N, C-alpha and C. Protein backbone atom coordinates (compact mmCIF):
# COMPACT_ATOMS: atom_id res chain seq x y z
N MET A 1 32.71 104.06 125.34
CA MET A 1 31.80 104.42 124.25
C MET A 1 30.95 103.22 123.86
N LYS A 2 29.70 103.46 123.54
CA LYS A 2 28.78 102.40 123.17
C LYS A 2 28.11 102.74 121.86
N THR A 3 28.06 101.78 120.93
CA THR A 3 27.40 102.00 119.65
C THR A 3 25.91 101.70 119.77
N LEU A 4 25.09 102.67 119.40
CA LEU A 4 23.64 102.50 119.37
C LEU A 4 23.25 101.93 118.01
N GLU A 5 22.53 100.82 118.00
CA GLU A 5 22.34 100.07 116.77
C GLU A 5 20.91 100.05 116.26
N ALA A 6 19.94 100.55 117.03
CA ALA A 6 18.55 100.57 116.58
C ALA A 6 17.78 101.63 117.35
N VAL A 7 16.87 102.31 116.65
CA VAL A 7 15.98 103.27 117.29
C VAL A 7 14.55 102.76 117.13
N VAL A 8 13.85 102.63 118.25
CA VAL A 8 12.50 102.07 118.29
C VAL A 8 11.52 103.17 118.68
N PHE A 9 10.55 103.45 117.81
CA PHE A 9 9.56 104.49 118.03
C PHE A 9 8.21 103.89 118.42
N ASP A 10 7.58 104.44 119.43
CA ASP A 10 6.14 104.28 119.57
C ASP A 10 5.48 105.00 118.39
N LEU A 11 4.21 104.69 118.14
CA LEU A 11 3.51 105.29 117.01
C LEU A 11 2.59 106.44 117.45
N GLY A 12 1.52 106.12 118.18
CA GLY A 12 0.56 107.13 118.59
C GLY A 12 1.13 108.11 119.59
N LYS A 13 0.94 109.40 119.33
CA LYS A 13 1.42 110.52 120.14
C LYS A 13 2.92 110.76 119.99
N VAL A 14 3.61 109.94 119.20
CA VAL A 14 5.04 110.14 118.93
C VAL A 14 5.24 110.47 117.46
N LEU A 15 4.79 109.61 116.56
CA LEU A 15 4.90 109.86 115.12
C LEU A 15 3.60 110.42 114.53
N VAL A 16 2.48 110.01 115.10
CA VAL A 16 1.18 110.54 114.69
C VAL A 16 0.36 110.87 115.93
N ASP A 17 -0.40 111.95 115.84
CA ASP A 17 -1.39 112.24 116.87
C ASP A 17 -2.70 111.58 116.46
N PHE A 18 -3.62 111.42 117.41
CA PHE A 18 -4.91 110.81 117.08
C PHE A 18 -5.99 111.34 118.00
N ASP A 19 -7.23 111.22 117.53
CA ASP A 19 -8.39 111.70 118.28
C ASP A 19 -9.57 110.78 117.98
N TYR A 20 -9.92 109.93 118.94
CA TYR A 20 -11.05 109.02 118.74
C TYR A 20 -12.39 109.77 118.68
N GLY A 21 -12.40 111.02 119.10
CA GLY A 21 -13.61 111.81 118.95
C GLY A 21 -14.00 111.98 117.49
N ILE A 22 -13.01 112.04 116.60
CA ILE A 22 -13.29 112.14 115.16
C ILE A 22 -14.03 110.89 114.69
N ALA A 23 -13.52 109.73 115.09
CA ALA A 23 -14.17 108.48 114.70
C ALA A 23 -15.58 108.39 115.28
N ALA A 24 -15.73 108.76 116.54
CA ALA A 24 -17.04 108.67 117.18
C ALA A 24 -18.07 109.52 116.45
N THR A 25 -17.67 110.73 116.08
CA THR A 25 -18.59 111.63 115.36
C THR A 25 -18.96 111.06 114.00
N SER A 26 -17.97 110.55 113.27
CA SER A 26 -18.22 110.01 111.93
C SER A 26 -19.10 108.77 111.97
N ILE A 27 -18.83 107.89 112.92
CA ILE A 27 -19.62 106.66 113.03
C ILE A 27 -21.04 106.97 113.49
N MET A 28 -21.17 107.87 114.46
CA MET A 28 -22.50 108.19 114.99
C MET A 28 -23.42 108.74 113.91
N ALA A 29 -22.85 109.43 112.93
CA ALA A 29 -23.67 109.98 111.85
C ALA A 29 -24.31 108.89 111.00
N ARG A 30 -23.82 107.65 111.13
CA ARG A 30 -24.37 106.53 110.37
C ARG A 30 -25.06 105.51 111.28
N CYS A 31 -25.45 105.95 112.49
CA CYS A 31 -26.12 105.05 113.43
C CYS A 31 -27.62 105.32 113.47
N ASP A 32 -28.34 104.43 114.13
CA ASP A 32 -29.81 104.50 114.12
C ASP A 32 -30.39 105.37 115.22
N GLY A 33 -29.53 106.08 115.96
CA GLY A 33 -30.03 107.04 116.94
C GLY A 33 -30.33 106.46 118.30
N ARG A 34 -29.77 105.30 118.64
CA ARG A 34 -30.09 104.69 119.93
C ARG A 34 -29.36 105.32 121.11
N GLY A 35 -28.44 106.27 120.85
CA GLY A 35 -27.86 107.04 121.95
C GLY A 35 -26.65 106.41 122.62
N CYS A 36 -25.95 105.52 121.97
CA CYS A 36 -24.74 104.91 122.52
C CYS A 36 -23.64 105.97 122.67
N ASP A 37 -22.88 105.91 123.77
CA ASP A 37 -21.71 106.78 123.95
C ASP A 37 -20.55 106.16 123.17
N LEU A 38 -20.44 106.53 121.91
CA LEU A 38 -19.49 105.86 121.02
C LEU A 38 -18.05 106.12 121.42
N LYS A 39 -17.74 107.34 121.83
CA LYS A 39 -16.35 107.62 122.21
C LYS A 39 -15.93 106.75 123.39
N LYS A 40 -16.79 106.61 124.36
CA LYS A 40 -16.48 105.75 125.50
C LYS A 40 -16.33 104.30 125.07
N LEU A 41 -17.11 103.89 124.08
CA LEU A 41 -17.08 102.51 123.60
C LEU A 41 -15.76 102.17 122.91
N ILE A 42 -15.20 103.13 122.15
CA ILE A 42 -14.04 102.81 121.31
C ILE A 42 -12.72 103.42 121.78
N ASP A 43 -12.74 104.34 122.74
CA ASP A 43 -11.53 105.06 123.11
C ASP A 43 -10.91 104.46 124.37
N GLN A 44 -9.84 103.67 124.20
CA GLN A 44 -9.11 103.06 125.31
C GLN A 44 -10.03 102.23 126.21
N SER A 45 -11.03 101.63 125.61
CA SER A 45 -12.01 100.82 126.33
C SER A 45 -11.56 99.37 126.39
N ASP A 46 -12.28 98.57 127.19
CA ASP A 46 -12.00 97.14 127.23
C ASP A 46 -12.17 96.52 125.84
N LEU A 47 -13.17 96.99 125.10
CA LEU A 47 -13.39 96.49 123.75
C LEU A 47 -12.18 96.77 122.87
N LEU A 48 -11.66 97.99 122.92
CA LEU A 48 -10.49 98.34 122.11
C LEU A 48 -9.27 97.53 122.54
N ILE A 49 -9.10 97.34 123.84
CA ILE A 49 -7.96 96.56 124.34
C ILE A 49 -8.03 95.13 123.82
N ARG A 50 -9.21 94.54 123.83
CA ARG A 50 -9.34 93.18 123.29
C ARG A 50 -8.99 93.13 121.81
N TYR A 51 -9.40 94.17 121.08
CA TYR A 51 -9.08 94.23 119.65
C TYR A 51 -7.58 94.41 119.44
N GLU A 52 -6.97 95.30 120.21
CA GLU A 52 -5.55 95.58 120.00
C GLU A 52 -4.65 94.49 120.58
N THR A 53 -5.21 93.60 121.39
CA THR A 53 -4.44 92.46 121.87
C THR A 53 -4.63 91.25 120.96
N GLY A 54 -5.41 91.40 119.91
CA GLY A 54 -5.63 90.31 118.99
C GLY A 54 -6.64 89.29 119.46
N LEU A 55 -7.39 89.62 120.52
CA LEU A 55 -8.42 88.71 121.02
C LEU A 55 -9.70 88.82 120.22
N LEU A 56 -9.85 89.90 119.47
CA LEU A 56 -10.96 90.09 118.54
C LEU A 56 -10.40 90.33 117.15
N THR A 57 -11.01 89.73 116.14
CA THR A 57 -10.71 90.08 114.76
C THR A 57 -11.35 91.43 114.44
N THR A 58 -10.99 91.98 113.30
CA THR A 58 -11.65 93.21 112.85
C THR A 58 -13.15 93.00 112.72
N GLU A 59 -13.54 91.86 112.18
CA GLU A 59 -14.97 91.58 112.01
C GLU A 59 -15.67 91.47 113.37
N GLY A 60 -15.00 90.86 114.35
CA GLY A 60 -15.58 90.74 115.67
C GLY A 60 -15.70 92.08 116.37
N PHE A 61 -14.67 92.92 116.23
CA PHE A 61 -14.71 94.27 116.80
C PHE A 61 -15.85 95.07 116.17
N PHE A 62 -15.93 95.02 114.85
CA PHE A 62 -17.00 95.74 114.15
C PHE A 62 -18.37 95.27 114.63
N ALA A 63 -18.55 93.97 114.77
CA ALA A 63 -19.85 93.44 115.18
C ALA A 63 -20.26 93.96 116.55
N GLU A 64 -19.30 94.06 117.48
CA GLU A 64 -19.64 94.56 118.81
C GLU A 64 -19.99 96.05 118.77
N VAL A 65 -19.24 96.82 117.99
CA VAL A 65 -19.57 98.25 117.86
C VAL A 65 -20.92 98.42 117.17
N ARG A 66 -21.17 97.67 116.12
CA ARG A 66 -22.44 97.76 115.40
C ARG A 66 -23.62 97.42 116.31
N ASP A 67 -23.48 96.36 117.09
CA ASP A 67 -24.59 95.94 117.95
C ASP A 67 -24.86 96.96 119.05
N ALA A 68 -23.80 97.60 119.56
CA ALA A 68 -23.98 98.58 120.63
C ALA A 68 -24.48 99.92 120.12
N SER A 69 -24.09 100.28 118.90
CA SER A 69 -24.35 101.64 118.41
C SER A 69 -25.48 101.72 117.40
N GLY A 70 -25.84 100.60 116.78
CA GLY A 70 -26.82 100.64 115.70
C GLY A 70 -26.24 101.17 114.41
N PHE A 71 -24.95 100.97 114.18
CA PHE A 71 -24.32 101.40 112.93
C PHE A 71 -25.03 100.73 111.75
N LEU A 72 -25.32 101.51 110.72
CA LEU A 72 -26.17 101.03 109.63
C LEU A 72 -25.39 100.49 108.43
N GLY A 73 -24.07 100.68 108.42
CA GLY A 73 -23.28 100.22 107.29
C GLY A 73 -22.61 98.89 107.56
N ASP A 74 -21.73 98.49 106.63
CA ASP A 74 -20.99 97.25 106.79
C ASP A 74 -19.56 97.55 107.22
N VAL A 75 -18.76 96.51 107.39
CA VAL A 75 -17.40 96.69 107.89
C VAL A 75 -16.54 97.48 106.90
N ALA A 76 -16.82 97.36 105.60
CA ALA A 76 -16.05 98.11 104.61
C ALA A 76 -16.27 99.62 104.76
N GLU A 77 -17.47 100.02 105.12
CA GLU A 77 -17.75 101.44 105.37
C GLU A 77 -17.21 101.87 106.73
N PHE A 78 -17.31 100.99 107.70
CA PHE A 78 -16.90 101.31 109.07
C PHE A 78 -15.39 101.56 109.16
N GLY A 79 -14.60 100.75 108.46
CA GLY A 79 -13.15 100.81 108.60
C GLY A 79 -12.56 102.19 108.42
N PRO A 80 -12.81 102.88 107.31
CA PRO A 80 -12.26 104.23 107.14
C PRO A 80 -12.79 105.23 108.16
N LEU A 81 -14.04 105.09 108.58
CA LEU A 81 -14.58 106.01 109.59
C LEU A 81 -13.87 105.84 110.92
N PHE A 82 -13.56 104.60 111.27
CA PHE A 82 -12.86 104.32 112.52
C PHE A 82 -11.38 104.69 112.44
N GLY A 83 -10.76 104.46 111.29
CA GLY A 83 -9.31 104.60 111.19
C GLY A 83 -8.81 105.97 110.83
N ASN A 84 -9.66 106.83 110.31
CA ASN A 84 -9.21 108.14 109.82
C ASN A 84 -9.19 109.16 110.96
N ILE A 85 -8.30 108.95 111.92
CA ILE A 85 -8.24 109.79 113.12
C ILE A 85 -6.85 110.35 113.37
N PHE A 86 -5.94 110.18 112.41
CA PHE A 86 -4.53 110.46 112.65
C PHE A 86 -4.04 111.71 111.92
N THR A 87 -3.12 112.41 112.55
CA THR A 87 -2.39 113.51 111.92
C THR A 87 -0.90 113.30 112.17
N MET A 88 -0.10 113.57 111.16
CA MET A 88 1.33 113.34 111.24
C MET A 88 2.00 114.39 112.13
N ILE A 89 2.97 113.96 112.94
CA ILE A 89 3.80 114.86 113.73
C ILE A 89 5.08 115.09 112.93
N ASP A 90 5.12 116.20 112.22
CA ASP A 90 6.12 116.41 111.17
C ASP A 90 7.56 116.30 111.67
N SER A 91 7.86 116.92 112.80
CA SER A 91 9.25 116.96 113.25
C SER A 91 9.76 115.58 113.65
N MET A 92 8.88 114.72 114.17
CA MET A 92 9.30 113.37 114.55
C MET A 92 9.47 112.49 113.31
N VAL A 93 8.61 112.69 112.33
CA VAL A 93 8.77 111.97 111.06
C VAL A 93 10.08 112.38 110.39
N ALA A 94 10.39 113.68 110.43
CA ALA A 94 11.65 114.16 109.85
C ALA A 94 12.85 113.57 110.59
N PHE A 95 12.73 113.39 111.89
CA PHE A 95 13.80 112.78 112.68
C PHE A 95 14.05 111.35 112.20
N ASN A 96 12.98 110.59 112.00
CA ASN A 96 13.17 109.23 111.47
C ASN A 96 13.83 109.26 110.10
N GLU A 97 13.41 110.20 109.25
CA GLU A 97 14.00 110.28 107.91
C GLU A 97 15.50 110.58 107.98
N ALA A 98 15.89 111.42 108.94
CA ALA A 98 17.32 111.72 109.10
C ALA A 98 18.09 110.49 109.55
N LEU A 99 17.50 109.70 110.43
CA LEU A 99 18.15 108.47 110.87
C LEU A 99 18.28 107.48 109.72
N ARG A 100 17.21 107.31 108.95
CA ARG A 100 17.23 106.34 107.85
C ARG A 100 18.19 106.78 106.74
N ALA A 101 18.32 108.10 106.55
CA ALA A 101 19.25 108.60 105.54
C ALA A 101 20.69 108.24 105.88
N ARG A 102 20.94 107.96 107.14
CA ARG A 102 22.27 107.56 107.60
C ARG A 102 22.35 106.06 107.86
N ASP A 103 21.39 105.32 107.30
CA ASP A 103 21.36 103.85 107.37
C ASP A 103 21.26 103.34 108.81
N ILE A 104 20.58 104.08 109.65
CA ILE A 104 20.33 103.65 111.03
C ILE A 104 18.99 102.91 111.05
N PRO A 105 18.96 101.66 111.47
CA PRO A 105 17.69 100.91 111.51
C PRO A 105 16.70 101.54 112.49
N THR A 106 15.46 101.69 112.04
CA THR A 106 14.40 102.22 112.91
C THR A 106 13.18 101.31 112.83
N TYR A 107 12.44 101.27 113.93
CA TYR A 107 11.32 100.34 114.08
C TYR A 107 10.14 101.07 114.71
N ILE A 108 8.93 100.63 114.36
CA ILE A 108 7.72 101.09 115.04
C ILE A 108 7.23 99.96 115.94
N PHE A 109 6.95 100.31 117.20
CA PHE A 109 6.54 99.37 118.25
C PHE A 109 5.28 99.95 118.88
N SER A 110 4.11 99.34 118.59
CA SER A 110 2.86 100.03 118.92
C SER A 110 1.78 99.09 119.43
N ASN A 111 1.06 99.54 120.46
CA ASN A 111 -0.23 98.97 120.81
C ASN A 111 -1.24 99.54 119.82
N THR A 112 -1.74 98.71 118.92
CA THR A 112 -2.57 99.23 117.84
C THR A 112 -3.45 98.13 117.29
N ASN A 113 -4.13 98.42 116.19
CA ASN A 113 -5.08 97.48 115.62
C ASN A 113 -5.02 97.50 114.09
N GLU A 114 -5.65 96.51 113.49
CA GLU A 114 -5.57 96.33 112.04
C GLU A 114 -6.16 97.51 111.27
N LEU A 115 -7.29 98.04 111.71
CA LEU A 115 -7.91 99.15 110.99
C LEU A 115 -7.07 100.42 111.07
N ALA A 116 -6.48 100.68 112.22
CA ALA A 116 -5.63 101.86 112.36
C ALA A 116 -4.42 101.76 111.44
N ILE A 117 -3.78 100.60 111.42
CA ILE A 117 -2.59 100.44 110.59
C ILE A 117 -2.94 100.52 109.11
N ALA A 118 -4.07 99.96 108.71
CA ALA A 118 -4.49 100.06 107.31
C ALA A 118 -4.69 101.51 106.91
N SER A 119 -5.29 102.31 107.78
CA SER A 119 -5.52 103.72 107.48
C SER A 119 -4.20 104.48 107.38
N ILE A 120 -3.29 104.23 108.31
CA ILE A 120 -2.00 104.93 108.30
C ILE A 120 -1.19 104.55 107.07
N ARG A 121 -1.15 103.27 106.74
CA ARG A 121 -0.41 102.83 105.55
C ARG A 121 -0.94 103.52 104.29
N GLU A 122 -2.24 103.68 104.21
CA GLU A 122 -2.85 104.26 103.02
C GLU A 122 -2.60 105.76 102.93
N ARG A 123 -2.60 106.45 104.06
CA ARG A 123 -2.59 107.91 104.06
C ARG A 123 -1.21 108.54 104.20
N PHE A 124 -0.26 107.81 104.79
CA PHE A 124 1.02 108.42 105.15
C PHE A 124 2.19 107.66 104.53
N PRO A 125 2.78 108.17 103.47
CA PRO A 125 3.91 107.49 102.83
C PRO A 125 5.11 107.28 103.77
N PHE A 126 5.28 108.14 104.77
CA PHE A 126 6.43 108.00 105.67
C PHE A 126 6.45 106.65 106.36
N PHE A 127 5.29 106.00 106.45
CA PHE A 127 5.19 104.76 107.20
C PHE A 127 6.03 103.64 106.58
N GLN A 128 6.35 103.77 105.31
CA GLN A 128 7.16 102.74 104.65
C GLN A 128 8.65 102.89 104.96
N ASN A 129 9.03 104.00 105.60
CA ASN A 129 10.45 104.30 105.79
C ASN A 129 10.95 103.82 107.15
N PHE A 130 10.59 102.59 107.50
CA PHE A 130 11.07 101.96 108.73
C PHE A 130 11.61 100.58 108.39
N THR A 131 12.51 100.10 109.21
CA THR A 131 13.12 98.80 108.96
C THR A 131 12.12 97.67 109.17
N ASP A 132 11.30 97.80 110.24
CA ASP A 132 10.32 96.75 110.53
C ASP A 132 9.33 97.28 111.56
N PHE A 133 8.35 96.45 111.90
CA PHE A 133 7.23 96.86 112.75
C PHE A 133 6.89 95.75 113.74
N VAL A 134 6.49 96.15 114.95
CA VAL A 134 5.95 95.21 115.94
C VAL A 134 4.63 95.80 116.43
N PHE A 135 3.52 95.12 116.08
CA PHE A 135 2.18 95.58 116.43
C PHE A 135 1.54 94.62 117.42
N SER A 136 0.90 95.17 118.43
CA SER A 136 0.33 94.35 119.50
C SER A 136 -0.66 93.31 118.97
N TYR A 137 -1.52 93.72 118.05
CA TYR A 137 -2.58 92.80 117.61
C TYR A 137 -2.03 91.60 116.86
N GLU A 138 -0.83 91.74 116.28
CA GLU A 138 -0.23 90.62 115.56
C GLU A 138 0.45 89.63 116.49
N HIS A 139 0.78 90.06 117.71
CA HIS A 139 1.53 89.20 118.63
C HIS A 139 0.75 88.86 119.90
N ARG A 140 -0.51 89.30 119.96
CA ARG A 140 -1.39 89.00 121.09
C ARG A 140 -0.77 89.38 122.43
N SER A 141 -0.15 90.53 122.43
CA SER A 141 0.48 91.05 123.64
C SER A 141 0.59 92.55 123.50
N MET A 142 0.39 93.27 124.62
CA MET A 142 0.45 94.73 124.60
C MET A 142 1.51 95.24 125.57
N LYS A 143 2.15 96.34 125.19
CA LYS A 143 3.00 97.04 126.14
C LYS A 143 2.19 97.40 127.37
N PRO A 144 2.73 97.28 128.56
CA PRO A 144 4.13 97.01 128.89
C PRO A 144 4.47 95.55 129.21
N ASP A 145 3.71 94.58 128.69
CA ASP A 145 4.03 93.18 128.94
C ASP A 145 5.40 92.83 128.38
N ALA A 146 6.18 92.08 129.14
CA ALA A 146 7.55 91.74 128.74
C ALA A 146 7.58 90.96 127.42
N LYS A 147 6.55 90.16 127.17
CA LYS A 147 6.54 89.29 125.98
C LYS A 147 6.75 90.08 124.70
N ILE A 148 6.10 91.24 124.58
CA ILE A 148 6.18 91.96 123.31
C ILE A 148 7.50 92.72 123.19
N TYR A 149 8.15 93.03 124.30
CA TYR A 149 9.49 93.62 124.25
C TYR A 149 10.49 92.57 123.75
N GLU A 150 10.26 91.33 124.12
CA GLU A 150 11.11 90.25 123.61
C GLU A 150 10.96 90.13 122.09
N VAL A 151 9.74 90.35 121.59
CA VAL A 151 9.51 90.32 120.14
C VAL A 151 10.34 91.41 119.47
N VAL A 152 10.35 92.61 120.03
CA VAL A 152 11.14 93.70 119.45
C VAL A 152 12.61 93.30 119.36
N GLU A 153 13.13 92.70 120.41
CA GLU A 153 14.54 92.30 120.41
C GLU A 153 14.81 91.24 119.35
N ARG A 154 13.88 90.33 119.16
CA ARG A 154 14.06 89.32 118.11
C ARG A 154 14.00 89.96 116.72
N VAL A 155 13.07 90.87 116.53
CA VAL A 155 12.89 91.49 115.22
C VAL A 155 14.11 92.33 114.83
N CYS A 156 14.62 93.11 115.78
CA CYS A 156 15.75 93.97 115.43
C CYS A 156 17.10 93.29 115.65
N GLY A 157 17.10 92.15 116.35
CA GLY A 157 18.34 91.43 116.58
C GLY A 157 19.28 92.14 117.54
N LYS A 158 18.73 93.02 118.38
CA LYS A 158 19.54 93.79 119.32
C LYS A 158 18.96 93.65 120.72
N HIS A 159 19.80 93.94 121.72
CA HIS A 159 19.38 93.84 123.10
C HIS A 159 20.01 94.98 123.90
N GLY A 160 19.47 95.20 125.09
CA GLY A 160 20.09 96.12 126.03
C GLY A 160 20.27 97.51 125.47
N ASP A 161 21.41 98.14 125.81
CA ASP A 161 21.60 99.54 125.46
C ASP A 161 22.04 99.76 124.02
N ALA A 162 21.98 98.72 123.19
CA ALA A 162 22.10 98.92 121.74
C ALA A 162 20.82 99.51 121.16
N ILE A 163 19.73 99.49 121.95
CA ILE A 163 18.42 99.97 121.52
C ILE A 163 18.11 101.30 122.19
N LEU A 164 17.65 102.28 121.40
CA LEU A 164 17.06 103.51 121.93
C LEU A 164 15.56 103.44 121.67
N TYR A 165 14.77 103.63 122.72
CA TYR A 165 13.31 103.49 122.66
C TYR A 165 12.65 104.80 123.05
N ILE A 166 11.70 105.26 122.21
CA ILE A 166 10.99 106.52 122.41
C ILE A 166 9.50 106.23 122.54
N ASP A 167 8.89 106.62 123.67
CA ASP A 167 7.47 106.35 123.91
C ASP A 167 6.92 107.44 124.82
N ASP A 168 5.63 107.76 124.65
CA ASP A 168 5.02 108.79 125.49
C ASP A 168 4.46 108.24 126.80
N ARG A 169 4.34 106.92 126.93
CA ARG A 169 3.77 106.33 128.14
C ARG A 169 4.90 105.89 129.07
N LEU A 170 4.88 106.43 130.29
CA LEU A 170 5.96 106.16 131.23
C LEU A 170 6.08 104.68 131.56
N GLU A 171 4.95 103.99 131.71
CA GLU A 171 5.01 102.57 132.06
C GLU A 171 5.66 101.75 130.95
N ASN A 172 5.50 102.19 129.71
CA ASN A 172 6.14 101.50 128.59
C ASN A 172 7.64 101.75 128.57
N ILE A 173 8.01 103.00 128.84
CA ILE A 173 9.43 103.36 128.92
C ILE A 173 10.11 102.58 130.05
N GLU A 174 9.45 102.50 131.19
CA GLU A 174 10.05 101.79 132.33
C GLU A 174 10.27 100.32 132.01
N ALA A 175 9.35 99.71 131.26
CA ALA A 175 9.51 98.31 130.88
C ALA A 175 10.72 98.13 129.96
N GLY A 176 10.95 99.09 129.06
CA GLY A 176 12.14 99.02 128.22
C GLY A 176 13.41 99.23 129.01
N ALA A 177 13.38 100.18 129.94
CA ALA A 177 14.57 100.47 130.76
C ALA A 177 14.96 99.25 131.59
N LYS A 178 13.98 98.48 132.05
CA LYS A 178 14.28 97.27 132.82
C LYS A 178 15.06 96.25 132.00
N ARG A 179 14.94 96.34 130.69
CA ARG A 179 15.67 95.43 129.81
C ARG A 179 17.02 96.00 129.40
N GLY A 180 17.35 97.16 129.96
CA GLY A 180 18.63 97.79 129.66
C GLY A 180 18.61 98.69 128.44
N TRP A 181 17.41 98.91 127.85
CA TRP A 181 17.32 99.79 126.69
C TRP A 181 17.60 101.23 127.09
N GLN A 182 18.22 101.99 126.19
CA GLN A 182 18.24 103.44 126.31
C GLN A 182 16.82 103.94 126.06
N THR A 183 16.36 104.95 126.78
CA THR A 183 14.98 105.40 126.62
C THR A 183 14.88 106.92 126.61
N ILE A 184 13.86 107.39 125.89
CA ILE A 184 13.44 108.79 125.95
C ILE A 184 11.95 108.80 126.22
N HIS A 185 11.55 109.38 127.35
CA HIS A 185 10.13 109.55 127.64
C HIS A 185 9.64 110.75 126.84
N HIS A 186 8.82 110.49 125.84
CA HIS A 186 8.39 111.53 124.90
C HIS A 186 7.31 112.40 125.53
N LEU A 187 7.65 113.65 125.80
CA LEU A 187 6.69 114.62 126.32
C LEU A 187 6.29 115.63 125.26
N SER A 188 7.20 115.91 124.34
CA SER A 188 6.94 116.79 123.20
C SER A 188 8.03 116.53 122.18
N PRO A 189 7.78 116.86 120.91
CA PRO A 189 8.85 116.71 119.92
C PRO A 189 10.10 117.49 120.29
N GLU A 190 9.91 118.69 120.85
CA GLU A 190 11.06 119.53 121.18
C GLU A 190 11.96 118.86 122.22
N THR A 191 11.36 118.34 123.29
CA THR A 191 12.18 117.74 124.34
C THR A 191 12.81 116.43 123.87
N THR A 192 12.08 115.67 123.07
CA THR A 192 12.64 114.42 122.55
C THR A 192 13.82 114.69 121.63
N LEU A 193 13.69 115.66 120.75
CA LEU A 193 14.78 115.95 119.82
C LEU A 193 15.98 116.55 120.55
N GLN A 194 15.74 117.32 121.59
CA GLN A 194 16.85 117.83 122.40
C GLN A 194 17.61 116.68 123.05
N ARG A 195 16.86 115.73 123.59
CA ARG A 195 17.48 114.56 124.22
C ARG A 195 18.23 113.73 123.19
N ALA A 196 17.64 113.57 122.01
CA ALA A 196 18.31 112.81 120.95
C ALA A 196 19.62 113.47 120.54
N LYS A 197 19.61 114.79 120.43
CA LYS A 197 20.85 115.51 120.08
C LYS A 197 21.91 115.31 121.15
N ALA A 198 21.48 115.27 122.41
CA ALA A 198 22.43 115.05 123.50
C ALA A 198 23.06 113.67 123.42
N LEU A 199 22.37 112.73 122.77
CA LEU A 199 22.91 111.38 122.57
C LEU A 199 23.73 111.27 121.28
N GLY A 200 23.85 112.38 120.56
CA GLY A 200 24.63 112.36 119.33
C GLY A 200 23.83 112.01 118.10
N LEU A 201 22.52 112.14 118.14
CA LEU A 201 21.66 111.83 117.01
C LEU A 201 21.27 113.09 116.26
N PRO A 202 21.07 113.00 114.94
CA PRO A 202 21.49 111.89 114.08
C PRO A 202 22.97 112.04 113.74
N ALA A 203 23.58 110.92 113.32
CA ALA A 203 24.99 110.93 112.92
C ALA A 203 25.21 109.79 111.95
N GLY A 204 26.06 109.98 110.99
CA GLY A 204 26.33 108.94 110.00
C GLY A 204 27.29 107.90 110.54
N GLY A 205 27.23 106.72 109.94
CA GLY A 205 28.20 105.68 110.23
C GLY A 205 28.08 105.06 111.60
N GLY A 206 26.85 105.02 112.15
CA GLY A 206 26.67 104.47 113.49
C GLY A 206 26.64 105.59 114.51
N LEU A 207 26.00 105.36 115.63
CA LEU A 207 25.82 106.38 116.65
C LEU A 207 26.66 106.04 117.85
N ARG A 208 27.38 107.03 118.37
CA ARG A 208 28.23 106.76 119.52
C ARG A 208 27.98 107.82 120.58
N PHE A 209 27.89 107.36 121.81
CA PHE A 209 27.70 108.29 122.91
C PHE A 209 28.24 107.66 124.18
N GLU A 210 28.51 108.50 125.17
CA GLU A 210 29.05 108.01 126.43
C GLU A 210 27.96 107.30 127.23
N VAL A 211 28.33 106.17 127.87
CA VAL A 211 27.42 105.48 128.79
C VAL A 211 28.14 105.28 130.11
């Protein structure tokens, strides 16, 4: 029997869904009409990767988007338009609440950026119900690089199969599995929760399952 001591959640597509098309439409409505493909510019682009790796500040990211798109406002106006793209995945949030109610440490581990996190913190109270957070832009490293997985282990103080990791990206899951973490490849809330139940989750007083 092995005691599971921490549950690590990815954020996007696991706890919240997102759609950069919403941001592109909102931002374009405040542009000068030069015809920039805004969704291509901000959705999983090289520009976004540099921002989420901490190579660009929020001000630097905004400046590049403004220069390419002709955005007419300032960064204070841009931030909410860019960040308001998320919807909560209720069943996964409820799963975290059940774990926390039993004093099980939970963590968010995400490739993300400052504007996204500011928007989520403001709009979703559930975000406060985690033990700690590891964000790519704060550590200048993105999943699946080994460096940021080491950060997770330092933050939670656990290693190997004491950690259960849930992520929708297979390459990220594989990087965790290489470190000996227990993993669930998130395909849907239903399949993830079924897998979690098979591991004995949630349960009070620590989690135990066969390994």
